[in-house]
PDB file of N, CA and C in Angstrom:
ATOM      1  N   MET A   1       0.857  -1.177   0.000  1.00  0.00           N
ATOM      2  CA  MET A   1       0.000   0.000   0.000  1.00  0.00           C
ATOM      3  C   MET A   1       0.901   1.237   0.000  1.00  0.00           C
ATOM      4  N   ILE A   2       0.707   2.090  -0.996  1.00  0.00           N
ATOM      5  CA  ILE A   2       1.442   3.349  -1.065  1.00  0.00           C
ATOM      6  C   ILE A   2       0.649   4.400  -0.292  1.00  0.00           C
ATOM      7  N   LEU A   3       1.308   5.074   0.632  1.00  0.00           N
ATOM      8  CA  LEU A   3       0.674   6.130   1.423  1.00  0.00           C
ATOM      9  C   LEU A   3       1.462   7.412   1.194  1.00  0.00           C
ATOM     10  N   THR A   4       0.754   8.499   0.817  1.00  0.00           N
ATOM     11  CA  THR A   4       1.449   9.767   0.570  1.00  0.00           C
ATOM     12  C   THR A   4       0.555  10.947   0.931  1.00  0.00           C
ATOM     13  N   ASN A   5       1.200  12.045   1.296  1.00  0.00           N
ATOM     14  CA  ASN A   5       0.427  13.243   1.610  1.00  0.00           C
ATOM     15  C   ASN A   5       0.337  14.196   0.418  1.00  0.00           C
ATOM     16  N   ILE A   6       0.819  13.773  -0.751  1.00  0.00           N
ATOM     17  CA  ILE A   6       0.655  14.582  -1.957  1.00  0.00           C
ATOM     18  C   ILE A   6      -0.504  14.016  -2.780  1.00  0.00           C
ATOM     19  N   GLU A   7      -0.923  14.746  -3.795  1.00  0.00           N
ATOM     20  CA  GLU A   7      -2.137  14.389  -4.532  1.00  0.00           C
ATOM     21  C   GLU A   7      -1.953  13.282  -5.558  1.00  0.00           C
ATOM     22  N   THR A   8      -0.718  12.960  -5.892  1.00  0.00           N
ATOM     23  CA  THR A   8      -0.435  11.914  -6.862  1.00  0.00           C
ATOM     24  C   THR A   8       0.735  11.081  -6.355  1.00  0.00           C
ATOM     25  N   VAL A   9       1.011  10.001  -7.071  1.00  0.00           N
ATOM     26  CA  VAL A   9       2.189   9.192  -6.784  1.00  0.00           C
ATOM     27  C   VAL A   9       3.140   9.383  -7.956  1.00  0.00           C
ATOM     28  N   PRO A  10       4.303   9.982  -7.728  1.00  0.00           N
ATOM     29  CA  PRO A  10       5.230  10.233  -8.834  1.00  0.00           C
ATOM     30  C   PRO A  10       5.537   8.953  -9.618  1.00  0.00           C
ATOM     31  N   GLY A  11       5.475   9.066 -10.949  1.00  0.00           N
ATOM     32  CA  GLY A  11       5.755   7.927 -11.817  1.00  0.00           C
ATOM     33  C   GLY A  11       4.587   6.983 -11.994  1.00  0.00           C
ATOM     34  N   LYS A  12       3.454   7.295 -11.394  1.00  0.00           N
ATOM     35  CA  LYS A  12       2.277   6.434 -11.495  1.00  0.00           C
ATOM     36  C   LYS A  12       1.073   7.270 -11.922  1.00  0.00           C
ATOM     37  N   THR A  13       0.089   6.590 -12.487  1.00  0.00           N
ATOM     38  CA  THR A  13      -1.148   7.230 -12.921  1.00  0.00           C
ATOM     39  C   THR A  13      -2.314   6.668 -12.119  1.00  0.00           C
ATOM     40  N   ILE A  14      -3.183   7.543 -11.650  1.00  0.00           N
ATOM     41  CA  ILE A  14      -4.393   7.098 -10.940  1.00  0.00           C
ATOM     42  C   ILE A  14      -5.383   6.609 -11.988  1.00  0.00           C
ATOM     43  N   VAL A  15      -5.820   5.350 -11.848  1.00  0.00           N
ATOM     44  CA  VAL A  15      -6.767   4.777 -12.808  1.00  0.00           C
ATOM     45  C   VAL A  15      -8.114   4.439 -12.177  1.00  0.00           C
ATOM     46  N   GLU A  16      -8.174   4.469 -10.853  1.00  0.00           N
ATOM     47  CA  GLU A  16      -9.438   4.179 -10.160  1.00  0.00           C
ATOM     48  C   GLU A  16      -9.476   5.012  -8.888  1.00  0.00           C
ATOM     49  N   HIS A  17     -10.645   5.546  -8.592  1.00  0.00           N
ATOM     50  CA  HIS A  17     -10.857   6.398  -7.422  1.00  0.00           C
ATOM     51  C   HIS A  17     -11.946   5.757  -6.580  1.00  0.00           C
ATOM     52  N   TYR A  18     -11.660   5.503  -5.294  1.00  0.00           N
ATOM     53  CA  TYR A  18     -12.628   4.829  -4.418  1.00  0.00           C
ATOM     54  C   TYR A  18     -13.255   5.755  -3.388  1.00  0.00           C
ATOM     55  N   GLY A  19     -12.721   6.935  -3.228  1.00  0.00           N
ATOM     56  CA  GLY A  19     -13.276   7.879  -2.262  1.00  0.00           C
ATOM     57  C   GLY A  19     -12.438   7.981  -0.996  1.00  0.00           C
ATOM     58  N   ILE A  20     -13.008   8.654  -0.042  1.00  0.00           N
ATOM     59  CA  ILE A  20     -12.302   8.938   1.212  1.00  0.00           C
ATOM     60  C   ILE A  20     -12.258   7.694   2.097  1.00  0.00           C
ATOM     61  N   VAL A  21     -11.088   7.459   2.678  1.00  0.00           N
ATOM     62  CA  VAL A  21     -10.907   6.423   3.688  1.00  0.00           C
ATOM     63  C   VAL A  21     -10.350   7.088   4.933  1.00  0.00           C
ATOM     64  N   GLN A  22     -10.542   6.445   6.072  1.00  0.00           N
ATOM     65  CA  GLN A  22     -10.091   7.054   7.317  1.00  0.00           C
ATOM     66  C   GLN A  22      -9.698   5.989   8.330  1.00  0.00           C
ATOM     67  N   GLY A  23      -8.957   6.418   9.298  1.00  0.00           N
ATOM     68  CA  GLY A  23      -8.590   5.575  10.429  1.00  0.00           C
ATOM     69  C   GLY A  23      -8.454   6.466  11.642  1.00  0.00           C
ATOM     70  N   SER A  24      -8.780   5.949  12.804  1.00  0.00           N
ATOM     71  CA  SER A  24      -8.650   6.768  14.007  1.00  0.00           C
ATOM     72  C   SER A  24      -8.367   5.894  15.208  1.00  0.00           C
ATOM     73  N   THR A  25      -7.919   6.546  16.249  1.00  0.00           N
ATOM     74  CA  THR A  25      -7.723   5.895  17.535  1.00  0.00           C
ATOM     75  C   THR A  25      -7.937   6.941  18.614  1.00  0.00           C
ATOM     76  N   VAL A  26      -8.510   6.536  19.723  1.00  0.00           N
ATOM     77  CA  VAL A  26      -8.704   7.430  20.866  1.00  0.00           C
ATOM     78  C   VAL A  26      -7.817   6.910  21.983  1.00  0.00           C
ATOM     79  N   ARG A  27      -7.000   7.785  22.512  1.00  0.00           N
ATOM     80  CA  ARG A  27      -6.060   7.404  23.566  1.00  0.00           C
ATOM     81  C   ARG A  27      -6.285   8.267  24.794  1.00  0.00           C
ATOM     82  N   ALA A  28      -6.136   7.643  25.944  1.00  0.00           N
ATOM     83  CA  ALA A  28      -6.241   8.350  27.220  1.00  0.00           C
ATOM     84  C   ALA A  28      -4.853   8.567  27.794  1.00  0.00           C
ATOM     85  N   LYS A  29      -4.745   9.594  28.605  1.00  0.00           N
ATOM     86  CA  LYS A  29      -3.482   9.858  29.288  1.00  0.00           C
ATOM     87  C   LYS A  29      -3.188   8.729  30.267  1.00  0.00           C
ATOM     88  N   HIS A  30      -1.937   8.558  30.551  1.00  0.00           N
ATOM     89  CA  HIS A  30      -1.474   7.542  31.486  1.00  0.00           C
ATOM     90  C   HIS A  30      -0.914   8.255  32.709  1.00  0.00           C
ATOM     91  N   ILE A  31      -1.337   7.862  33.897  1.00  0.00           N
ATOM     92  CA  ILE A  31      -0.944   8.566  35.124  1.00  0.00           C
ATOM     93  C   ILE A  31       0.577   8.630  35.282  1.00  0.00           C
ATOM     94  N   GLY A  32       1.281   7.576  34.920  1.00  0.00           N
ATOM     95  CA  GLY A  32       2.740   7.584  35.014  1.00  0.00           C
ATOM     96  C   GLY A  32       3.359   8.575  34.048  1.00  0.00           C
ATOM     97  N   ARG A  33       2.822   8.625  32.836  1.00  0.00           N
ATOM     98  CA  ARG A  33       3.318   9.584  31.849  1.00  0.00           C
ATOM     99  C   ARG A  33       3.018  11.011  32.297  1.00  0.00           C
ATOM    100  N   ASP A  34       1.820  11.227  32.872  1.00  0.00           N
ATOM    101  CA  ASP A  34       1.468  12.565  33.345  1.00  0.00           C
ATOM    102  C   ASP A  34       2.403  13.030  34.445  1.00  0.00           C
ATOM    103  N   LEU A  35       2.753  12.141  35.334  1.00  0.00           N
ATOM    104  CA  LEU A  35       3.664  12.477  36.435  1.00  0.00           C
ATOM    105  C   LEU A  35       5.031  12.867  35.884  1.00  0.00           C
ATOM    106  N   MET A  36       5.550  12.050  34.953  1.00  0.00           N
ATOM    107  CA  MET A  36       6.851  12.348  34.366  1.00  0.00           C
ATOM    108  C   MET A  36       6.796  13.628  33.523  1.00  0.00           C
ATOM    109  N   ALA A  37       5.681  13.870  32.835  1.00  0.00           N
ATOM    110  CA  ALA A  37       5.536  15.088  32.036  1.00  0.00           C
ATOM    111  C   ALA A  37       5.555  16.322  32.941  1.00  0.00           C
ATOM    112  N   GLY A  38       4.907  16.211  34.074  1.00  0.00           N
ATOM    113  CA  GLY A  38       4.914  17.322  35.033  1.00  0.00           C
ATOM    114  C   GLY A  38       6.312  17.639  35.513  1.00  0.00           C
ATOM    115  N   LEU A  39       7.102  16.601  35.769  1.00  0.00           N
ATOM    116  CA  LEU A  39       8.484  16.817  36.197  1.00  0.00           C
ATOM    117  C   LEU A  39       9.322  17.413  35.078  1.00  0.00           C
ATOM    118  N   LYS A  40       9.118  16.946  33.853  1.00  0.00           N
ATOM    119  CA  LYS A  40       9.866  17.471  32.696  1.00  0.00           C
ATOM    120  C   LYS A  40       9.548  18.943  32.471  1.00  0.00           C
ATOM    121  N   ASN A  41       8.300  19.339  32.752  1.00  0.00           N
ATOM    122  CA  ASN A  41       7.933  20.744  32.576  1.00  0.00           C
ATOM    123  C   ASN A  41       8.751  21.646  33.486  1.00  0.00           C
ATOM    124  N   LEU A  42       9.196  21.123  34.607  1.00  0.00           N
ATOM    125  CA  LEU A  42      10.002  21.913  35.536  1.00  0.00           C
ATOM    126  C   LEU A  42      11.426  22.112  35.024  1.00  0.00           C
ATOM    127  N   VAL A  43      11.986  21.085  34.394  1.00  0.00           N
ATOM    128  CA  VAL A  43      13.390  21.140  33.979  1.00  0.00           C
ATOM    129  C   VAL A  43      13.565  21.233  32.466  1.00  0.00           C
ATOM    130  N   GLY A  44      12.524  21.010  31.694  1.00  0.00           N
ATOM    131  CA  GLY A  44      12.604  21.070  30.237  1.00  0.00           C
ATOM    132  C   GLY A  44      13.022  19.743  29.636  1.00  0.00           C
ATOM    133  N   GLY A  45      12.842  19.612  28.352  1.00  0.00           N
ATOM    134  CA  GLY A  45      13.223  18.396  27.643  1.00  0.00           C
ATOM    135  C   GLY A  45      12.042  17.722  26.989  1.00  0.00           C
ATOM    136  N   GLU A  46      12.363  16.698  26.194  1.00  0.00           N
ATOM    137  CA  GLU A  46      11.339  15.959  25.461  1.00  0.00           C
ATOM    138  C   GLU A  46      10.503  15.115  26.406  1.00  0.00           C
ATOM    139  N   LEU A  47       9.218  15.079  26.147  1.00  0.00           N
ATOM    140  CA  LEU A  47       8.299  14.225  26.902  1.00  0.00           C
ATOM    141  C   LEU A  47       8.209  12.906  26.165  1.00  0.00           C
ATOM    142  N   LYS A  48       9.176  12.026  26.400  1.00  0.00           N
ATOM    143  CA  LYS A  48       9.309  10.796  25.621  1.00  0.00           C
ATOM    144  C   LYS A  48       8.095   9.889  25.729  1.00  0.00           C
ATOM    145  N   GLY A  49       7.453   9.839  26.870  1.00  0.00           N
ATOM    146  CA  GLY A  49       6.253   9.014  27.019  1.00  0.00           C
ATOM    147  C   GLY A  49       5.148   9.453  26.072  1.00  0.00           C
ATOM    148  N   TYR A  50       4.973  10.770  25.944  1.00  0.00           N
ATOM    149  CA  TYR A  50       3.959  11.285  25.029  1.00  0.00           C
ATOM    150  C   TYR A  50       4.382  11.132  23.576  1.00  0.00           C
ATOM    151  N   THR A  51       5.670  11.278  23.309  1.00  0.00           N
ATOM    152  CA  THR A  51       6.166  11.074  21.947  1.00  0.00           C
ATOM    153  C   THR A  51       5.866   9.649  21.504  1.00  0.00           C
ATOM    154  N   GLU A  52       6.125   8.671  22.355  1.00  0.00           N
ATOM    155  CA  GLU A  52       5.846   7.261  22.039  1.00  0.00           C
ATOM    156  C   GLU A  52       4.351   7.028  21.879  1.00  0.00           C
ATOM    157  N   LEU A  53       3.546   7.625  22.741  1.00  0.00           N
ATOM    158  CA  LEU A  53       2.090   7.472  22.663  1.00  0.00           C
ATOM    159  C   LEU A  53       1.561   8.008  21.335  1.00  0.00           C
ATOM    160  N   LEU A  54       2.039   9.168  20.922  1.00  0.00           N
ATOM    161  CA  LEU A  54       1.588   9.747  19.649  1.00  0.00           C
ATOM    162  C   LEU A  54       2.068   8.937  18.460  1.00  0.00           C
ATOM    163  N   GLN A  55       3.299   8.430  18.511  1.00  0.00           N
ATOM    164  CA  GLN A  55       3.805   7.606  17.415  1.00  0.00           C
ATOM    165  C   GLN A  55       2.979   6.327  17.282  1.00  0.00           C
ATOM    166  N   ASP A  56       2.688   5.678  18.401  1.00  0.00           N
ATOM    167  CA  ASP A  56       1.854   4.472  18.378  1.00  0.00           C
ATOM    168  C   ASP A  56       0.459   4.790  17.820  1.00  0.00           C
ATOM    169  N   SER A  57      -0.082   5.929  18.207  1.00  0.00           N
ATOM    170  CA  SER A  57      -1.408   6.337  17.734  1.00  0.00           C
ATOM    171  C   SER A  57      -1.408   6.574  16.228  1.00  0.00           C
ATOM    172  N   ARG A  58      -0.378   7.251  15.710  1.00  0.00           N
ATOM    173  CA  ARG A  58      -0.291   7.481  14.267  1.00  0.00           C
ATOM    174  C   ARG A  58      -0.187   6.167  13.511  1.00  0.00           C
ATOM    175  N   GLU A  59       0.630   5.255  14.001  1.00  0.00           N
ATOM    176  CA  GLU A  59       0.795   3.954  13.332  1.00  0.00           C
ATOM    177  C   GLU A  59      -0.514   3.174  13.313  1.00  0.00           C
ATOM    178  N   GLN A  60      -1.233   3.169  14.432  1.00  0.00           N
ATOM    179  CA  GLN A  60      -2.498   2.441  14.497  1.00  0.00           C
ATOM    180  C   GLN A  60      -3.542   3.071  13.571  1.00  0.00           C
ATOM    181  N   ALA A  61      -3.641   4.383  13.561  1.00  0.00           N
ATOM    182  CA  ALA A  61      -4.607   5.059  12.691  1.00  0.00           C
ATOM    183  C   ALA A  61      -4.276   4.809  11.212  1.00  0.00           C
ATOM    184  N   LEU A  62      -2.991   4.860  10.856  1.00  0.00           N
ATOM    185  CA  LEU A  62      -2.595   4.578   9.470  1.00  0.00           C
ATOM    186  C   LEU A  62      -2.889   3.134   9.077  1.00  0.00           C
ATOM    187  N   ALA A  63      -2.692   2.201  10.012  1.00  0.00           N
ATOM    188  CA  ALA A  63      -2.990   0.798   9.728  1.00  0.00           C
ATOM    189  C   ALA A  63      -4.483   0.620   9.452  1.00  0.00           C
ATOM    190  N   ARG A  64      -5.314   1.312  10.196  1.00  0.00           N
ATOM    191  CA  ARG A  64      -6.762   1.220   9.987  1.00  0.00           C
ATOM    192  C   ARG A  64      -7.163   1.859   8.660  1.00  0.00           C
ATOM    193  N   LEU A  65      -6.554   2.990   8.308  1.00  0.00           N
ATOM    194  CA  LEU A  65      -6.806   3.623   7.017  1.00  0.00           C
ATOM    195  C   LEU A  65      -6.394   2.687   5.890  1.00  0.00           C
ATOM    196  N   SER A  66      -5.214   2.083   5.995  1.00  0.00           N
ATOM    197  CA  SER A  66      -4.722   1.166   4.961  1.00  0.00           C
ATOM    198  C   SER A  66      -5.640  -0.031   4.793  1.00  0.00           C
ATOM    199  N   GLU A  67      -6.118  -0.577   5.883  1.00  0.00           N
ATOM    200  CA  GLU A  67      -7.011  -1.733   5.819  1.00  0.00           C
ATOM    201  C   GLU A  67      -8.320  -1.365   5.121  1.00  0.00           C
ATOM    202  N   GLN A  68      -8.851  -0.204   5.441  1.00  0.00           N
ATOM    203  CA  GLN A  68     -10.095   0.227   4.794  1.00  0.00           C
ATOM    204  C   GLN A  68      -9.871   0.402   3.288  1.00  0.00           C
ATOM    205  N   ALA A  69      -8.744   0.988   2.893  1.00  0.00           N
ATOM    206  CA  ALA A  69      -8.433   1.168   1.470  1.00  0.00           C
ATOM    207  C   ALA A  69      -8.263  -0.180   0.779  1.00  0.00           C
ATOM    208  N   ARG A  70      -7.578  -1.109   1.431  1.00  0.00           N
ATOM    209  CA  ARG A  70      -7.357  -2.448   0.864  1.00  0.00           C
ATOM    210  C   ARG A  70      -8.693  -3.161   0.637  1.00  0.00           C
ATOM    211  N   GLU A  71      -9.614  -3.021   1.576  1.00  0.00           N
ATOM    212  CA  GLU A  71     -10.929  -3.651   1.442  1.00  0.00           C
ATOM    213  C   GLU A  71     -11.701  -3.105   0.235  1.00  0.00           C
ATOM    214  N   LEU A  72     -11.429  -1.864  -0.146  1.00  0.00           N
ATOM    215  CA  LEU A  72     -12.084  -1.268  -1.313  1.00  0.00           C
ATOM    216  C   LEU A  72     -11.414  -1.673  -2.618  1.00  0.00           C
ATOM    217  N   GLY A  73     -10.214  -2.251  -2.543  1.00  0.00           N
ATOM    218  CA  GLY A  73      -9.478  -2.651  -3.732  1.00  0.00           C
ATOM    219  C   GLY A  73      -8.376  -1.687  -4.124  1.00  0.00           C
ATOM    220  N   ALA A  74      -8.101  -0.691  -3.301  1.00  0.00           N
ATOM    221  CA  ALA A  74      -7.076   0.306  -3.607  1.00  0.00           C
ATOM    222  C   ALA A  74      -5.678  -0.244  -3.357  1.00  0.00           C
ATOM    223  N   ASN A  75      -4.702   0.346  -4.042  1.00  0.00           N
ATOM    224  CA  ASN A  75      -3.306   0.009  -3.762  1.00  0.00           C
ATOM    225  C   ASN A  75      -2.520   1.236  -3.302  1.00  0.00           C
ATOM    226  N   ALA A  76      -3.233   2.362  -3.122  1.00  0.00           N
ATOM    227  CA  ALA A  76      -2.591   3.583  -2.647  1.00  0.00           C
ATOM    228  C   ALA A  76      -3.622   4.489  -1.979  1.00  0.00           C
ATOM    229  N   VAL A  77      -3.131   5.352  -1.091  1.00  0.00           N
ATOM    230  CA  VAL A  77      -3.956   6.403  -0.504  1.00  0.00           C
ATOM    231  C   VAL A  77      -3.172   7.700  -0.669  1.00  0.00           C
ATOM    232  N   VAL A  78      -3.801   8.661  -1.326  1.00  0.00           N
ATOM    233  CA  VAL A  78      -3.148   9.938  -1.593  1.00  0.00           C
ATOM    234  C   VAL A  78      -3.792  11.044  -0.761  1.00  0.00           C
ATOM    235  N   ASN A  79      -3.062  12.161  -0.665  1.00  0.00           N
ATOM    236  CA  ASN A  79      -3.546  13.359   0.021  1.00  0.00           C
ATOM    237  C   ASN A  79      -3.888  13.083   1.491  1.00  0.00           C
ATOM    238  N   ILE A  80      -3.054  12.323   2.167  1.00  0.00           N
ATOM    239  CA  ILE A  80      -3.287  11.951   3.566  1.00  0.00           C
ATOM    240  C   ILE A  80      -3.098  13.156   4.475  1.00  0.00           C
ATOM    241  N   ARG A  81      -4.003  13.292   5.430  1.00  0.00           N
ATOM    242  CA  ARG A  81      -3.956  14.359   6.421  1.00  0.00           C
ATOM    243  C   ARG A  81      -4.239  13.772   7.808  1.00  0.00           C
ATOM    244  N   PHE A  82      -3.656  14.385   8.831  1.00  0.00           N
ATOM    245  CA  PHE A  82      -3.890  14.007  10.218  1.00  0.00           C
ATOM    246  C   PHE A  82      -4.628  15.133  10.927  1.00  0.00           C
ATOM    247  N   ALA A  83      -5.457  14.759  11.888  1.00  0.00           N
ATOM    248  CA  ALA A  83      -6.151  15.735  12.725  1.00  0.00           C
ATOM    249  C   ALA A  83      -6.253  15.154  14.129  1.00  0.00           C
ATOM    250  N   THR A  84      -6.370  16.018  15.101  1.00  0.00           N
ATOM    251  CA  THR A  84      -6.572  15.571  16.481  1.00  0.00           C
ATOM    252  C   THR A  84      -7.734  16.341  17.080  1.00  0.00           C
ATOM    253  N   SER A  85      -8.368  15.737  18.067  1.00  0.00           N
ATOM    254  CA  SER A  85      -9.440  16.420  18.786  1.00  0.00           C
ATOM    255  C   SER A  85      -9.553  15.826  20.177  1.00  0.00           C
ATOM    256  N   SER A  86     -10.017  16.630  21.078  1.00  0.00           N
ATOM    257  CA  SER A  86     -10.260  16.175  22.441  1.00  0.00           C
ATOM    258  C   SER A  86     -11.667  15.590  22.489  1.00  0.00           C
ATOM    259  N   VAL A  87     -11.790  14.373  23.013  1.00  0.00           N
ATOM    260  CA  VAL A  87     -13.111  13.737  23.059  1.00  0.00           C
ATOM    261  C   VAL A  87     -13.637  13.593  24.478  1.00  0.00           C
ATOM    262  N   ALA A  88     -12.765  13.696  25.456  1.00  0.00           N
ATOM    263  CA  ALA A  88     -13.156  13.620  26.865  1.00  0.00           C
ATOM    264  C   ALA A  88     -11.995  14.147  27.690  1.00  0.00           C
ATOM    265  N   GLN A  89     -12.250  14.421  28.953  1.00  0.00           N
ATOM    266  CA  GLN A  89     -11.173  14.879  29.831  1.00  0.00           C
ATOM    267  C   GLN A  89     -10.069  13.824  29.859  1.00  0.00           C
ATOM    268  N   GLY A  90      -8.895  14.192  29.420  1.00  0.00           N
ATOM    269  CA  GLY A  90      -7.755  13.272  29.452  1.00  0.00           C
ATOM    270  C   GLY A  90      -7.686  12.298  28.294  1.00  0.00           C
ATOM    271  N   ALA A  91      -8.555  12.451  27.277  1.00  0.00           N
ATOM    272  CA  ALA A  91      -8.531  11.541  26.126  1.00  0.00           C
ATOM    273  C   ALA A  91      -8.604  12.348  24.839  1.00  0.00           C
ATOM    274  N   ALA A  92      -7.859  11.883  23.839  1.00  0.00           N
ATOM    275  CA  ALA A  92      -7.838  12.582  22.553  1.00  0.00           C
ATOM    276  C   ALA A  92      -7.922  11.580  21.416  1.00  0.00           C
ATOM    277  N   GLU A  93      -8.506  12.028  20.311  1.00  0.00           N
ATOM    278  CA  GLU A  93      -8.590  11.212  19.110  1.00  0.00           C
ATOM    279  C   GLU A  93      -7.525  11.681  18.127  1.00  0.00           C
ATOM    280  N   LEU A  94      -6.852  10.725  17.518  1.00  0.00           N
ATOM    281  CA  LEU A  94      -5.969  11.004  16.398  1.00  0.00           C
ATOM    282  C   LEU A  94      -6.664  10.417  15.174  1.00  0.00           C
ATOM    283  N   PHE A  95      -6.922  11.248  14.195  1.00  0.00           N
ATOM    284  CA  PHE A  95      -7.720  10.889  13.024  1.00  0.00           C
ATOM    285  C   PHE A  95      -6.874  11.111  11.779  1.00  0.00           C
ATOM    286  N   VAL A  96      -6.892  10.142  10.859  1.00  0.00           N
ATOM    287  CA  VAL A  96      -6.167  10.272   9.602  1.00  0.00           C
ATOM    288  C   VAL A  96      -7.134   9.957   8.469  1.00  0.00           C
ATOM    289  N   TYR A  97      -7.034  10.723   7.378  1.00  0.00           N
ATOM    290  CA  TYR A  97      -7.922  10.492   6.244  1.00  0.00           C
ATOM    291  C   TYR A  97      -7.192  10.783   4.944  1.00  0.00           C
ATOM    292  N   GLY A  98      -7.690  10.211   3.875  1.00  0.00           N
ATOM    293  CA  GLY A  98      -7.100  10.409   2.564  1.00  0.00           C
ATOM    294  C   GLY A  98      -8.021   9.833   1.502  1.00  0.00           C
ATOM    295  N   THR A  99      -7.540   9.806   0.265  1.00  0.00           N
ATOM    296  CA  THR A  99      -8.325   9.310  -0.856  1.00  0.00           C
ATOM    297  C   THR A  99      -7.740   7.991  -1.346  1.00  0.00           C
ATOM    298  N   ALA A 100      -8.563   6.949  -1.342  1.00  0.00           N
ATOM    299  CA  ALA A 100      -8.140   5.625  -1.799  1.00  0.00           C
ATOM    300  C   ALA A 100      -8.200   5.575  -3.320  1.00  0.00           C
ATOM    301  N   VAL A 101      -7.120   5.088  -3.926  1.00  0.00           N
ATOM    302  CA  VAL A 101      -7.028   5.023  -5.392  1.00  0.00           C
ATOM    303  C   VAL A 101      -6.274   3.758  -5.807  1.00  0.00           C
ATOM    304  N   THR A 102      -6.387   3.420  -7.073  1.00  0.00           N
ATOM    305  CA  THR A 102      -5.503   2.428  -7.687  1.00  0.00           C
ATOM    306  C   THR A 102      -4.584   3.190  -8.615  1.00  0.00           C
ATOM    307  N   VAL A 103      -3.295   2.911  -8.490  1.00  0.00           N
ATOM    308  CA  VAL A 103      -2.305   3.537  -9.369  1.00  0.00           C
ATOM    309  C   VAL A 103      -1.584   2.457 -10.164  1.00  0.00           C
ATOM    310  N   VAL A 104      -1.156   2.823 -11.370  1.00  0.00           N
ATOM    311  CA  VAL A 104      -0.369   1.933 -12.214  1.00  0.00           C
ATOM    312  C   VAL A 104       0.817   2.716 -12.760  1.00  0.00           C
ATOM    313  N   ASP A 105       1.868   1.994 -13.141  1.00  0.00           N
ATOM    314  CA  ASP A 105       3.018   2.646 -13.761  1.00  0.00           C
ATOM    315  C   ASP A 105       2.769   2.785 -15.261  1.00  0.00           C
ATOM    316  N   GLU A 106       3.746   3.310 -15.969  1.00  0.00           N
ATOM    317  CA  GLU A 106       3.575   3.560 -17.413  1.00  0.00           C
ATOM    318  C   GLU A 106       3.375   2.270 -18.215  1.00  0.00           C
ATOM    319  N   MET A 107       3.714   1.124 -17.631  1.00  0.00           N
ATOM    320  CA  MET A 107       3.519  -0.175 -18.292  1.00  0.00           C
ATOM    321  C   MET A 107       2.138  -0.766 -17.952  1.00  0.00           C
ATOM    322  N   GLY A 108       1.372  -0.031 -17.118  1.00  0.00           N
ATOM    323  CA  GLY A 108       0.060  -0.512 -16.733  1.00  0.00           C
ATOM    324  C   GLY A 108       0.068  -1.488 -15.577  1.00  0.00           C
ATOM    325  N   GLU A 109       1.222  -1.624 -14.924  1.00  0.00           N
ATOM    326  CA  GLU A 109       1.335  -2.549 -13.801  1.00  0.00           C
ATOM    327  C   GLU A 109       1.169  -1.805 -12.482  1.00  0.00           C
ATOM    328  N   GLN A 110       0.531  -2.492 -11.538  1.00  0.00           N
ATOM    329  CA  GLN A 110       0.306  -1.883 -10.226  1.00  0.00           C
ATOM    330  C   GLN A 110       1.552  -1.854  -9.385  1.00  0.00           C
TER     331      GLN A 110
END
């Protein structure tokens, strides 16, 4: 599955359009991470617990988007965008969406 945030795939032609696909995950804060984040705010530095949480969330949301595109018959998702929103106290949604397409190279191969 080709995933890109641009509107086309260089060297390939879009031959089928399936529409918008999406993936999301809702994650809650972790008390241990919150405690360490509070301490880091005092001295500065990267909040590694939150960095890992966001990376895991992006990977899971992309996997769900890819699966939805695959079920439609697509081999690529173009124009991918990420969004976040707060859904409850201490919980946030990471949402990813894009356009599912089939692309082929100049020889007509996927």
